[in-house]
Full PDB file with SEQRES, HELIX, SHEET, SSBOND, CRYST1, ORIGX, SCALE, CONECT and MASTER records, all heavy atoms in Angstrom:
SEQRES   1 A   41  THR GLU ARG MET SER LEU THR PRO GLU GLU ARG ILE GLU          
SEQRES   2 A   41  PHE THR HIS ASP PRO PRO ALA GLY LYS ARG GLU PRO ALA          
SEQRES   3 A   41  GLY ALA GLU GLY ARG TYR LEU LEU GLU ASP THR PRO GLU          
SEQRES   4 A   41  GLY THR                                                      
SHEET    1 AA1 3 GLU A   2  THR A   7  0                                        
SHEET    2 AA1 3 ARG A  11  HIS A  16 -1                                        
SHEET    3 AA1 3 GLY A  30  LEU A  33 -1                                        
CRYST1    1.000    1.000    1.000  90.00  90.00  90.00 P 1           1          
ORIGX1      1.000000  0.000000  0.000000        0.00000                         
ORIGX2      0.000000  1.000000  0.000000        0.00000                         
ORIGX3      0.000000  0.000000  1.000000        0.00000                         
SCALE1      1.000000  0.000000  0.000000        0.00000                         
SCALE2      0.000000  1.000000  0.000000        0.00000                         
SCALE3      0.000000  0.000000  1.000000        0.00000                         
ATOM      1  N   THR A   1     -43.261 -37.587 -23.448  1.00  0.00           N  
ATOM      2  CA  THR A   1     -42.889 -36.635 -24.497  1.00  0.00           C  
ATOM      3  C   THR A   1     -42.557 -37.414 -25.755  1.00  0.00           C  
ATOM      4  O   THR A   1     -41.788 -38.374 -25.732  1.00  0.00           O  
ATOM      5  CB  THR A   1     -41.674 -35.813 -24.054  1.00  0.00           C  
ATOM      6  OG1 THR A   1     -41.959 -35.190 -22.797  1.00  0.00           O  
ATOM      7  CG2 THR A   1     -41.332 -34.747 -25.085  1.00  0.00           C  
ATOM      8  N   GLU A   2     -43.158 -36.978 -26.844  1.00  0.00           N  
ATOM      9  CA  GLU A   2     -42.961 -37.622 -28.133  1.00  0.00           C  
ATOM     10  C   GLU A   2     -42.319 -36.643 -29.110  1.00  0.00           C  
ATOM     11  O   GLU A   2     -42.703 -35.478 -29.172  1.00  0.00           O  
ATOM     12  CB  GLU A   2     -44.313 -38.077 -28.708  1.00  0.00           C  
ATOM     13  CG  GLU A   2     -45.051 -39.070 -27.848  1.00  0.00           C  
ATOM     14  CD  GLU A   2     -44.335 -40.386 -27.743  1.00  0.00           C  
ATOM     15  OE1 GLU A   2     -43.963 -40.971 -28.773  1.00  0.00           O  
ATOM     16  OE2 GLU A   2     -44.138 -40.830 -26.597  1.00  0.00           O  
ATOM     17  N   ARG A   3     -41.342 -37.128 -29.852  1.00  0.00           N  
ATOM     18  CA  ARG A   3     -40.803 -36.350 -30.974  1.00  0.00           C  
ATOM     19  C   ARG A   3     -41.699 -36.635 -32.167  1.00  0.00           C  
ATOM     20  O   ARG A   3     -41.820 -37.773 -32.600  1.00  0.00           O  
ATOM     21  CB  ARG A   3     -39.366 -36.737 -31.298  1.00  0.00           C  
ATOM     22  CG  ARG A   3     -38.834 -35.967 -32.532  1.00  0.00           C  
ATOM     23  CD  ARG A   3     -37.418 -36.349 -32.874  1.00  0.00           C  
ATOM     24  NE  ARG A   3     -36.492 -35.956 -31.820  1.00  0.00           N  
ATOM     25  CZ  ARG A   3     -35.959 -34.733 -31.699  1.00  0.00           C  
ATOM     26  NH1 ARG A   3     -36.279 -33.785 -32.560  1.00  0.00           N  
ATOM     27  NH2 ARG A   3     -35.118 -34.476 -30.728  1.00  0.00           N  
ATOM     28  N   MET A   4     -42.346 -35.600 -32.660  1.00  0.00           N  
ATOM     29  CA  MET A   4     -43.298 -35.713 -33.752  1.00  0.00           C  
ATOM     30  C   MET A   4     -42.598 -35.373 -35.072  1.00  0.00           C  
ATOM     31  O   MET A   4     -41.902 -34.374 -35.167  1.00  0.00           O  
ATOM     32  CB  MET A   4     -44.464 -34.758 -33.537  1.00  0.00           C  
ATOM     33  CG  MET A   4     -45.162 -34.884 -32.182  1.00  0.00           C  
ATOM     34  SD  MET A   4     -45.955 -36.466 -31.926  1.00  0.00           S  
ATOM     35  CE  MET A   4     -47.350 -36.310 -33.057  1.00  0.00           C  
ATOM     36  N   SER A   5     -42.801 -36.234 -36.046  1.00  0.00           N  
ATOM     37  CA  SER A   5     -42.286 -36.004 -37.386  1.00  0.00           C  
ATOM     38  C   SER A   5     -43.500 -35.968 -38.316  1.00  0.00           C  
ATOM     39  O   SER A   5     -44.190 -36.975 -38.477  1.00  0.00           O  
ATOM     40  CB  SER A   5     -41.332 -37.134 -37.794  1.00  0.00           C  
ATOM     41  OG  SER A   5     -40.927 -36.958 -39.135  1.00  0.00           O  
ATOM     42  N   LEU A   6     -43.751 -34.798 -38.867  1.00  0.00           N  
ATOM     43  CA  LEU A   6     -44.955 -34.583 -39.668  1.00  0.00           C  
ATOM     44  C   LEU A   6     -44.594 -34.356 -41.145  1.00  0.00           C  
ATOM     45  O   LEU A   6     -43.818 -33.454 -41.459  1.00  0.00           O  
ATOM     46  CB  LEU A   6     -45.747 -33.378 -39.157  1.00  0.00           C  
ATOM     47  CG  LEU A   6     -46.050 -33.345 -37.649  1.00  0.00           C  
ATOM     48  CD1 LEU A   6     -46.762 -32.046 -37.285  1.00  0.00           C  
ATOM     49  CD2 LEU A   6     -46.893 -34.533 -37.257  1.00  0.00           C  
ATOM     50  N   THR A   7     -45.138 -35.191 -42.005  1.00  0.00           N  
ATOM     51  CA  THR A   7     -45.066 -34.977 -43.447  1.00  0.00           C  
ATOM     52  C   THR A   7     -46.448 -34.515 -43.837  1.00  0.00           C  
ATOM     53  O   THR A   7     -47.400 -35.306 -43.843  1.00  0.00           O  
ATOM     54  CB  THR A   7     -44.693 -36.282 -44.188  1.00  0.00           C  
ATOM     55  OG1 THR A   7     -43.468 -36.775 -43.664  1.00  0.00           O  
ATOM     56  CG2 THR A   7     -44.574 -36.024 -45.688  1.00  0.00           C  
ATOM     57  N   PRO A   8     -46.618 -33.205 -44.127  1.00  0.00           N  
ATOM     58  CA  PRO A   8     -47.953 -32.620 -44.269  1.00  0.00           C  
ATOM     59  C   PRO A   8     -48.927 -33.443 -45.117  1.00  0.00           C  
ATOM     60  O   PRO A   8     -48.625 -33.830 -46.245  1.00  0.00           O  
ATOM     61  CB  PRO A   8     -47.675 -31.252 -44.896  1.00  0.00           C  
ATOM     62  CG  PRO A   8     -46.319 -30.911 -44.356  1.00  0.00           C  
ATOM     63  CD  PRO A   8     -45.575 -32.219 -44.346  1.00  0.00           C  
ATOM     64  N   GLU A   9     -50.051 -33.721 -44.495  1.00  0.00           N  
ATOM     65  CA  GLU A   9     -51.188 -34.433 -45.070  1.00  0.00           C  
ATOM     66  C   GLU A   9     -50.878 -35.851 -45.536  1.00  0.00           C  
ATOM     67  O   GLU A   9     -51.673 -36.450 -46.261  1.00  0.00           O  
ATOM     68  CB  GLU A   9     -51.837 -33.605 -46.181  1.00  0.00           C  
ATOM     69  CG  GLU A   9     -52.402 -32.307 -45.660  1.00  0.00           C  
ATOM     70  CD  GLU A   9     -53.290 -31.575 -46.644  1.00  0.00           C  
ATOM     71  OE1 GLU A   9     -53.733 -32.185 -47.616  1.00  0.00           O  
ATOM     72  OE2 GLU A   9     -53.540 -30.388 -46.401  1.00  0.00           O  
ATOM     73  N   GLU A  10     -49.717 -36.407 -45.140  1.00  0.00           N  
ATOM     74  CA  GLU A  10     -49.363 -37.764 -45.534  1.00  0.00           C  
ATOM     75  C   GLU A  10     -49.038 -38.678 -44.354  1.00  0.00           C  
ATOM     76  O   GLU A  10     -49.491 -39.802 -44.301  1.00  0.00           O  
ATOM     77  CB  GLU A  10     -48.166 -37.759 -46.476  1.00  0.00           C  
ATOM     78  CG  GLU A  10     -48.470 -37.188 -47.834  1.00  0.00           C  
ATOM     79  CD  GLU A  10     -47.258 -37.207 -48.744  1.00  0.00           C  
ATOM     80  OE1 GLU A  10     -46.261 -37.913 -48.423  1.00  0.00           O  
ATOM     81  OE2 GLU A  10     -47.290 -36.525 -49.762  1.00  0.00           O  
ATOM     82  N   ARG A  11     -48.186 -38.196 -43.432  1.00  0.00           N  
ATOM     83  CA  ARG A  11     -47.624 -39.083 -42.409  1.00  0.00           C  
ATOM     84  C   ARG A  11     -47.369 -38.323 -41.109  1.00  0.00           C  
ATOM     85  O   ARG A  11     -46.847 -37.216 -41.135  1.00  0.00           O  
ATOM     86  CB  ARG A  11     -46.314 -39.659 -42.932  1.00  0.00           C  
ATOM     87  CG  ARG A  11     -45.595 -40.560 -41.979  1.00  0.00           C  
ATOM     88  CD  ARG A  11     -44.239 -40.970 -42.545  1.00  0.00           C  
ATOM     89  NE  ARG A  11     -44.356 -41.771 -43.753  1.00  0.00           N  
ATOM     90  CZ  ARG A  11     -44.343 -43.094 -43.790  1.00  0.00           C  
ATOM     91  NH1 ARG A  11     -44.170 -43.784 -42.689  1.00  0.00           N  
ATOM     92  NH2 ARG A  11     -44.449 -43.752 -44.935  1.00  0.00           N  
ATOM     93  N   ILE A  12     -47.751 -38.968 -40.012  1.00  0.00           N  
ATOM     94  CA  ILE A  12     -47.400 -38.510 -38.679  1.00  0.00           C  
ATOM     95  C   ILE A  12     -46.649 -39.668 -38.033  1.00  0.00           C  
ATOM     96  O   ILE A  12     -47.191 -40.757 -37.922  1.00  0.00           O  
ATOM     97  CB  ILE A  12     -48.657 -38.179 -37.843  1.00  0.00           C  
ATOM     98  CG1 ILE A  12     -49.486 -37.083 -38.507  1.00  0.00           C  
ATOM     99  CG2 ILE A  12     -48.267 -37.805 -36.410  1.00  0.00           C  
ATOM    100  CD1 ILE A  12     -50.889 -36.934 -37.910  1.00  0.00           C  
ATOM    101  N   GLU A  13     -45.418 -39.426 -37.634  1.00  0.00           N  
ATOM    102  CA  GLU A  13     -44.650 -40.448 -36.931  1.00  0.00           C  
ATOM    103  C   GLU A  13     -44.240 -39.879 -35.593  1.00  0.00           C  
ATOM    104  O   GLU A  13     -43.974 -38.686 -35.474  1.00  0.00           O  
ATOM    105  CB  GLU A  13     -43.412 -40.855 -37.728  1.00  0.00           C  
ATOM    106  CG  GLU A  13     -43.765 -41.580 -39.016  1.00  0.00           C  
ATOM    107  CD  GLU A  13     -42.540 -42.006 -39.786  1.00  0.00           C  
ATOM    108  OE1 GLU A  13     -41.774 -41.143 -40.218  1.00  0.00           O  
ATOM    109  OE2 GLU A  13     -42.375 -43.226 -39.951  1.00  0.00           O  
ATOM    110  N   PHE A  14     -44.195 -40.732 -34.582  1.00  0.00           N  
ATOM    111  CA  PHE A  14     -43.809 -40.269 -33.272  1.00  0.00           C  
ATOM    112  C   PHE A  14     -43.022 -41.333 -32.543  1.00  0.00           C  
ATOM    113  O   PHE A  14     -43.216 -42.523 -32.740  1.00  0.00           O  
ATOM    114  CB  PHE A  14     -45.035 -39.843 -32.437  1.00  0.00           C  
ATOM    115  CG  PHE A  14     -46.164 -40.820 -32.431  1.00  0.00           C  
ATOM    116  CD1 PHE A  14     -46.294 -41.746 -31.427  1.00  0.00           C  
ATOM    117  CD2 PHE A  14     -47.114 -40.807 -33.475  1.00  0.00           C  
ATOM    118  CE1 PHE A  14     -47.345 -42.666 -31.434  1.00  0.00           C  
ATOM    119  CE2 PHE A  14     -48.166 -41.701 -33.468  1.00  0.00           C  
ATOM    120  CZ  PHE A  14     -48.290 -42.636 -32.440  1.00  0.00           C  
ATOM    121  N   THR A  15     -42.077 -40.840 -31.755  1.00  0.00           N  
ATOM    122  CA  THR A  15     -41.222 -41.734 -30.965  1.00  0.00           C  
ATOM    123  C   THR A  15     -40.980 -41.095 -29.616  1.00  0.00           C  
ATOM    124  O   THR A  15     -40.880 -39.872 -29.507  1.00  0.00           O  
ATOM    125  CB  THR A  15     -39.901 -42.034 -31.706  1.00  0.00           C  
ATOM    126  OG1 THR A  15     -39.208 -43.050 -31.012  1.00  0.00           O  
ATOM    127  CG2 THR A  15     -39.035 -40.819 -31.862  1.00  0.00           C  
ATOM    128  N   HIS A  16     -40.898 -41.933 -28.587  1.00  0.00           N  
ATOM    129  CA  HIS A  16     -40.697 -41.434 -27.231  1.00  0.00           C  
ATOM    130  C   HIS A  16     -39.332 -40.752 -27.153  1.00  0.00           C  
ATOM    131  O   HIS A  16     -38.312 -41.340 -27.507  1.00  0.00           O  
ATOM    132  CB  HIS A  16     -40.795 -42.596 -26.254  1.00  0.00           C  
ATOM    133  CG  HIS A  16     -40.787 -42.171 -24.841  1.00  0.00           C  
ATOM    134  ND1 HIS A  16     -40.097 -42.841 -23.876  1.00  0.00           N  
ATOM    135  CD2 HIS A  16     -41.371 -41.120 -24.208  1.00  0.00           C  
ATOM    136  CE1 HIS A  16     -40.253 -42.239 -22.708  1.00  0.00           C  
ATOM    137  NE2 HIS A  16     -41.022 -41.193 -22.890  1.00  0.00           N  
ATOM    138  N   ASP A  17     -39.321 -39.508 -26.686  1.00  0.00           N  
ATOM    139  CA  ASP A  17     -38.077 -38.725 -26.629  1.00  0.00           C  
ATOM    140  C   ASP A  17     -38.173 -37.746 -25.461  1.00  0.00           C  
ATOM    141  O   ASP A  17     -38.411 -36.554 -25.659  1.00  0.00           O  
ATOM    142  CB  ASP A  17     -37.881 -37.982 -27.961  1.00  0.00           C  
ATOM    143  CG  ASP A  17     -36.527 -37.316 -28.057  1.00  0.00           C  
ATOM    144  OD1 ASP A  17     -35.562 -37.780 -27.435  1.00  0.00           O  
ATOM    145  OD2 ASP A  17     -36.435 -36.290 -28.755  1.00  0.00           O  
ATOM    146  N   PRO A  18     -37.972 -38.249 -24.222  1.00  0.00           N  
ATOM    147  CA  PRO A  18     -38.072 -37.352 -23.066  1.00  0.00           C  
ATOM    148  C   PRO A  18     -36.984 -36.291 -23.068  1.00  0.00           C  
ATOM    149  O   PRO A  18     -35.924 -36.503 -23.649  1.00  0.00           O  
ATOM    150  CB  PRO A  18     -37.938 -38.287 -21.873  1.00  0.00           C  
ATOM    151  CG  PRO A  18     -37.412 -39.569 -22.381  1.00  0.00           C  
ATOM    152  CD  PRO A  18     -37.651 -39.610 -23.862  1.00  0.00           C  
ATOM    153  N   PRO A  19     -37.248 -35.175 -22.399  1.00  0.00           N  
ATOM    154  CA  PRO A  19     -36.230 -34.140 -22.295  1.00  0.00           C  
ATOM    155  C   PRO A  19     -34.966 -34.674 -21.608  1.00  0.00           C  
ATOM    156  O   PRO A  19     -35.037 -35.609 -20.810  1.00  0.00           O  
ATOM    157  CB  PRO A  19     -36.888 -33.063 -21.406  1.00  0.00           C  
ATOM    158  CG  PRO A  19     -38.354 -33.322 -21.513  1.00  0.00           C  
ATOM    159  CD  PRO A  19     -38.504 -34.805 -21.738  1.00  0.00           C  
ATOM    160  N   ALA A  20     -33.840 -34.079 -21.953  1.00  0.00           N  
ATOM    161  CA  ALA A  20     -32.563 -34.502 -21.371  1.00  0.00           C  
ATOM    162  C   ALA A  20     -32.624 -34.520 -19.856  1.00  0.00           C  
ATOM    163  O   ALA A  20     -33.128 -33.576 -19.242  1.00  0.00           O  
ATOM    164  CB  ALA A  20     -31.441 -33.572 -21.841  1.00  0.00           C  
ATOM    165  N   GLY A  21     -32.199 -35.634 -19.293  1.00  0.00           N  
ATOM    166  CA  GLY A  21     -32.162 -35.761 -17.839  1.00  0.00           C  
ATOM    167  C   GLY A  21     -33.473 -36.104 -17.172  1.00  0.00           C  
ATOM    168  O   GLY A  21     -33.540 -36.247 -15.951  1.00  0.00           O  
ATOM    169  N   LYS A  22     -34.535 -36.244 -17.938  1.00  0.00           N  
ATOM    170  CA  LYS A  22     -35.854 -36.560 -17.366  1.00  0.00           C  
ATOM    171  C   LYS A  22     -36.220 -38.008 -17.693  1.00  0.00           C  
ATOM    172  O   LYS A  22     -36.154 -38.421 -18.846  1.00  0.00           O  
ATOM    173  CB  LYS A  22     -36.915 -35.629 -17.921  1.00  0.00           C  
ATOM    174  CG  LYS A  22     -38.272 -35.858 -17.280  1.00  0.00           C  
ATOM    175  CD  LYS A  22     -39.317 -34.844 -17.756  1.00  0.00           C  
ATOM    176  CE  LYS A  22     -40.638 -35.126 -17.093  1.00  0.00           C  
ATOM    177  NZ  LYS A  22     -41.693 -34.285 -17.610  1.00  0.00           N  
ATOM    178  N   ARG A  23     -36.615 -38.738 -16.675  1.00  0.00           N  
ATOM    179  CA  ARG A  23     -37.041 -40.131 -16.862  1.00  0.00           C  
ATOM    180  C   ARG A  23     -38.562 -40.171 -16.964  1.00  0.00           C  
ATOM    181  O   ARG A  23     -39.253 -39.635 -16.102  1.00  0.00           O  
ATOM    182  CB  ARG A  23     -36.598 -40.974 -15.676  1.00  0.00           C  
ATOM    183  CG  ARG A  23     -36.912 -42.441 -15.838  1.00  0.00           C  
ATOM    184  CD  ARG A  23     -36.452 -43.236 -14.629  1.00  0.00           C  
ATOM    185  NE  ARG A  23     -37.015 -44.553 -14.661  1.00  0.00           N  
ATOM    186  CZ  ARG A  23     -38.272 -44.856 -14.324  1.00  0.00           C  
ATOM    187  NH1 ARG A  23     -39.074 -43.935 -13.902  1.00  0.00           N  
ATOM    188  NH2 ARG A  23     -38.702 -46.105 -14.404  1.00  0.00           N  
ATOM    189  N   GLU A  24     -39.062 -40.744 -18.038  1.00  0.00           N  
ATOM    190  CA  GLU A  24     -40.493 -40.910 -18.222  1.00  0.00           C  
ATOM    191  C   GLU A  24     -40.801 -42.415 -18.289  1.00  0.00           C  
ATOM    192  O   GLU A  24     -40.341 -43.075 -19.224  1.00  0.00           O  
ATOM    193  CB  GLU A  24     -40.977 -40.213 -19.490  1.00  0.00           C  
ATOM    194  CG  GLU A  24     -40.850 -38.720 -19.440  1.00  0.00           C  
ATOM    195  CD  GLU A  24     -41.306 -38.029 -20.714  1.00  0.00           C  
ATOM    196  OE1 GLU A  24     -41.405 -38.698 -21.776  1.00  0.00           O  
ATOM    197  OE2 GLU A  24     -41.562 -36.821 -20.664  1.00  0.00           O  
ATOM    198  N   PRO A  25     -41.545 -42.954 -17.342  1.00  0.00           N  
ATOM    199  CA  PRO A  25     -41.795 -44.389 -17.333  1.00  0.00           C  
ATOM    200  C   PRO A  25     -42.856 -44.852 -18.332  1.00  0.00           C  
ATOM    201  O   PRO A  25     -43.148 -46.036 -18.406  1.00  0.00           O  
ATOM    202  CB  PRO A  25     -42.272 -44.665 -15.898  1.00  0.00           C  
ATOM    203  CG  PRO A  25     -42.779 -43.349 -15.404  1.00  0.00           C  
ATOM    204  CD  PRO A  25     -42.023 -42.290 -16.131  1.00  0.00           C  
ATOM    205  N   ALA A  26     -43.395 -43.949 -19.103  1.00  0.00           N  
ATOM    206  CA  ALA A  26     -44.374 -44.318 -20.139  1.00  0.00           C  
ATOM    207  C   ALA A  26     -43.974 -43.639 -21.442  1.00  0.00           C  
ATOM    208  O   ALA A  26     -43.323 -42.597 -21.439  1.00  0.00           O  
ATOM    209  CB  ALA A  26     -45.784 -43.906 -19.730  1.00  0.00           C  
ATOM    210  N   GLY A  27     -44.394 -44.231 -22.545  1.00  0.00           N  
ATOM    211  CA  GLY A  27     -44.098 -43.636 -23.830  1.00  0.00           C  
ATOM    212  C   GLY A  27     -44.846 -44.370 -24.932  1.00  0.00           C  
ATOM    213  O   GLY A  27     -45.528 -45.379 -24.695  1.00  0.00           O  
ATOM    214  N   ALA A  28     -44.728 -43.839 -26.133  1.00  0.00           N  
ATOM    215  CA  ALA A  28     -45.418 -44.435 -27.269  1.00  0.00           C  
ATOM    216  C   ALA A  28     -44.538 -44.320 -28.513  1.00  0.00           C  
ATOM    217  O   ALA A  28     -43.658 -43.464 -28.605  1.00  0.00           O  
ATOM    218  CB  ALA A  28     -46.753 -43.749 -27.515  1.00  0.00           C  
ATOM    219  N   GLU A  29     -44.790 -45.208 -29.449  1.00  0.00           N  
ATOM    220  CA  GLU A  29     -44.155 -45.209 -30.768  1.00  0.00           C  
ATOM    221  C   GLU A  29     -45.275 -45.467 -31.761  1.00  0.00           C  
ATOM    222  O   GLU A  29     -46.177 -46.249 -31.474  1.00  0.00           O  
ATOM    223  CB  GLU A  29     -43.122 -46.341 -30.894  1.00  0.00           C  
ATOM    224  CG  GLU A  29     -42.130 -46.445 -29.763  1.00  0.00           C  
ATOM    225  CD  GLU A  29     -41.054 -45.378 -29.794  1.00  0.00           C  
ATOM    226  OE1 GLU A  29     -40.725 -44.900 -30.909  1.00  0.00           O  
ATOM    227  OE2 GLU A  29     -40.543 -45.046 -28.724  1.00  0.00           O  
ATOM    228  N   GLY A  30     -45.197 -44.847 -32.916  1.00  0.00           N  
ATOM    229  CA  GLY A  30     -46.211 -45.162 -33.910  1.00  0.00           C  
ATOM    230  C   GLY A  30     -46.249 -44.244 -35.089  1.00  0.00           C  
ATOM    231  O   GLY A  30     -45.360 -43.405 -35.286  1.00  0.00           O  
ATOM    232  N   ARG A  31     -47.309 -44.432 -35.869  1.00  0.00           N  
ATOM    233  CA  ARG A  31     -47.470 -43.603 -37.072  1.00  0.00           C  
ATOM    234  C   ARG A  31     -48.928 -43.587 -37.509  1.00  0.00           C  
ATOM    235  O   ARG A  31     -49.698 -44.511 -37.235  1.00  0.00           O  
ATOM    236  CB  ARG A  31     -46.589 -44.088 -38.200  1.00  0.00           C  
ATOM    237  CG  ARG A  31     -47.044 -45.368 -38.797  1.00  0.00           C  
ATOM    238  CD  ARG A  31     -46.288 -45.719 -40.072  1.00  0.00           C  
ATOM    239  NE  ARG A  31     -46.824 -46.930 -40.630  1.00  0.00           N  
ATOM    240  CZ  ARG A  31     -46.273 -48.120 -40.484  1.00  0.00           C  
ATOM    241  NH1 ARG A  31     -45.154 -48.265 -39.826  1.00  0.00           N  
ATOM    242  NH2 ARG A  31     -46.851 -49.184 -41.012  1.00  0.00           N  
ATOM    243  N   TYR A  32     -49.274 -42.516 -38.181  1.00  0.00           N  
ATOM    244  CA  TYR A  32     -50.564 -42.371 -38.866  1.00  0.00           C  
ATOM    245  C   TYR A  32     -50.216 -42.117 -40.323  1.00  0.00           C  
ATOM    246  O   TYR A  32     -49.375 -41.265 -40.617  1.00  0.00           O  
ATOM    247  CB  TYR A  32     -51.325 -41.156 -38.348  1.00  0.00           C  
ATOM    248  CG  TYR A  32     -51.936 -41.291 -36.979  1.00  0.00           C  
ATOM    249  CD1 TYR A  32     -51.180 -41.590 -35.855  1.00  0.00           C  
ATOM    250  CD2 TYR A  32     -53.298 -41.093 -36.805  1.00  0.00           C  
ATOM    251  CE1 TYR A  32     -51.737 -41.707 -34.606  1.00  0.00           C  
ATOM    252  CE2 TYR A  32     -53.876 -41.198 -35.547  1.00  0.00           C  
ATOM    253  CZ  TYR A  32     -53.090 -41.505 -34.460  1.00  0.00           C  
ATOM    254  OH  TYR A  32     -53.660 -41.611 -33.216  1.00  0.00           O  
ATOM    255  N   LEU A  33     -50.860 -42.841 -41.236  1.00  0.00           N  
ATOM    256  CA  LEU A  33     -50.673 -42.636 -42.661  1.00  0.00           C  
ATOM    257  C   LEU A  33     -52.002 -42.234 -43.286  1.00  0.00           C  
ATOM    258  O   LEU A  33     -53.029 -42.855 -42.997  1.00  0.00           O  
ATOM    259  CB  LEU A  33     -50.161 -43.916 -43.324  1.00  0.00           C  
ATOM    260  CG  LEU A  33     -48.845 -44.476 -42.818  1.00  0.00           C  
ATOM    261  CD1 LEU A  33     -48.532 -45.821 -43.477  1.00  0.00           C  
ATOM    262  CD2 LEU A  33     -47.702 -43.501 -43.059  1.00  0.00           C  
ATOM    263  N   LEU A  34     -51.984 -41.215 -44.122  1.00  0.00           N  
ATOM    264  CA  LEU A  34     -53.181 -40.741 -44.800  1.00  0.00           C  
ATOM    265  C   LEU A  34     -52.961 -40.847 -46.305  1.00  0.00           C  
ATOM    266  O   LEU A  34     -51.903 -40.444 -46.809  1.00  0.00           O  
ATOM    267  CB  LEU A  34     -53.467 -39.286 -44.428  1.00  0.00           C  
ATOM    268  CG  LEU A  34     -53.861 -39.028 -42.988  1.00  0.00           C  
ATOM    269  CD1 LEU A  34     -52.617 -38.759 -42.153  1.00  0.00           C  
ATOM    270  CD2 LEU A  34     -54.787 -37.849 -42.901  1.00  0.00           C  
ATOM    271  N   GLU A  35     -53.980 -41.365 -46.997  1.00  0.00           N  
ATOM    272  CA  GLU A  35     -53.867 -41.564 -48.451  1.00  0.00           C  
ATOM    273  C   GLU A  35     -55.240 -41.347 -49.083  1.00  0.00           C  
ATOM    274  O   GLU A  35     -56.236 -41.859 -48.583  1.00  0.00           O  
ATOM    275  CB  GLU A  35     -53.376 -42.991 -48.697  1.00  0.00           C  
ATOM    276  CG  GLU A  35     -53.230 -43.369 -50.118  1.00  0.00           C  
ATOM    277  CD  GLU A  35     -52.784 -44.824 -50.244  1.00  0.00           C  
ATOM    278  OE1 GLU A  35     -53.576 -45.736 -49.902  1.00  0.00           O  
ATOM    279  OE2 GLU A  35     -51.652 -45.042 -50.677  1.00  0.00           O  
ATOM    280  N   ASP A  36     -55.272 -40.592 -50.164  1.00  0.00           N  
ATOM    281  CA  ASP A  36     -56.527 -40.366 -50.873  1.00  0.00           C  
ATOM    282  C   ASP A  36     -57.045 -41.658 -51.493  1.00  0.00           C  
ATOM    283  O   ASP A  36     -56.266 -42.492 -51.977  1.00  0.00           O  
ATOM    284  CB  ASP A  36     -56.346 -39.343 -51.994  1.00  0.00           C  
ATOM    285  CG  ASP A  36     -56.143 -37.937 -51.467  1.00  0.00           C  
ATOM    286  OD1 ASP A  36     -56.636 -37.618 -50.367  1.00  0.00           O  
ATOM    287  OD2 ASP A  36     -55.488 -37.140 -52.169  1.00  0.00           O  
ATOM    288  N   THR A  37     -58.350 -41.825 -51.449  1.00  0.00           N  
ATOM    289  CA  THR A  37     -59.036 -42.906 -52.143  1.00  0.00           C  
ATOM    290  C   THR A  37     -60.263 -42.293 -52.821  1.00  0.00           C  
ATOM    291  O   THR A  37     -60.662 -41.170 -52.474  1.00  0.00           O  
ATOM    292  CB  THR A  37     -59.522 -44.017 -51.187  1.00  0.00           C  
ATOM    293  OG1 THR A  37     -60.584 -43.528 -50.410  1.00  0.00           O  
ATOM    294  CG2 THR A  37     -58.387 -44.504 -50.289  1.00  0.00           C  
ATOM    295  N   PRO A  38     -60.889 -42.998 -53.753  1.00  0.00           N  
ATOM    296  CA  PRO A  38     -62.112 -42.471 -54.384  1.00  0.00           C  
ATOM    297  C   PRO A  38     -63.230 -42.198 -53.365  1.00  0.00           C  
ATOM    298  O   PRO A  38     -64.053 -41.330 -53.543  1.00  0.00           O  
ATOM    299  CB  PRO A  38     -62.515 -43.557 -55.372  1.00  0.00           C  
ATOM    300  CG  PRO A  38     -61.247 -44.274 -55.681  1.00  0.00           C  
ATOM    301  CD  PRO A  38     -60.444 -44.246 -54.397  1.00  0.00           C  
ATOM    302  N   GLU A  39     -63.221 -42.945 -52.253  1.00  0.00           N  
ATOM    303  CA  GLU A  39     -64.294 -42.808 -51.248  1.00  0.00           C  
ATOM    304  C   GLU A  39     -63.953 -41.801 -50.148  1.00  0.00           C  
ATOM    305  O   GLU A  39     -64.784 -41.514 -49.299  1.00  0.00           O  
ATOM    306  CB  GLU A  39     -64.561 -44.161 -50.582  1.00  0.00           C  
ATOM    307  CG  GLU A  39     -64.998 -45.258 -51.528  1.00  0.00           C  
ATOM    308  CD  GLU A  39     -63.822 -45.949 -52.225  1.00  0.00           C  
ATOM    309  OE1 GLU A  39     -62.680 -45.837 -51.740  1.00  0.00           O  
ATOM    310  OE2 GLU A  39     -64.061 -46.564 -53.274  1.00  0.00           O  
ATOM    311  N   GLY A  40     -62.741 -41.288 -50.122  1.00  0.00           N  
ATOM    312  CA  GLY A  40     -62.332 -40.356 -49.066  1.00  0.00           C  
ATOM    313  C   GLY A  40     -60.848 -40.481 -48.786  1.00  0.00           C  
ATOM    314  O   GLY A  40     -60.033 -40.373 -49.688  1.00  0.00           O  
ATOM    315  N   THR A  41     -60.522 -40.749 -47.532  1.00  0.00           N  
ATOM    316  CA  THR A  41     -59.122 -40.854 -47.110  1.00  0.00           C  
ATOM    317  C   THR A  41     -58.889 -42.146 -46.348  1.00  0.00           C  
ATOM    318  O   THR A  41     -59.610 -42.448 -45.399  1.00  0.00           O  
ATOM    319  CB  THR A  41     -58.752 -39.662 -46.194  1.00  0.00           C  
ATOM    320  OG1 THR A  41     -59.031 -38.439 -46.870  1.00  0.00           O  
ATOM    321  CG2 THR A  41     -57.281 -39.707 -45.805  1.00  0.00           C  
TER     322      THR A  41                                                      
MASTER        0    0    0    0    3    0    0    6  321    1    0    4          
END                                                                             
C-alpha cells in the first residue's frame, strides 16, 4: 500500500504506508516529475 501525493500534472510522489496493524513485507518509495519542454514532456 502506497500513500500517493499528487500535484496535478506536475508530480506524483509515493511512500509505503500499510494500513494500521497490517505488516507488508514489500513496498516502494519514489516520484514521477512531469515538465513541459518544446519537444513534449
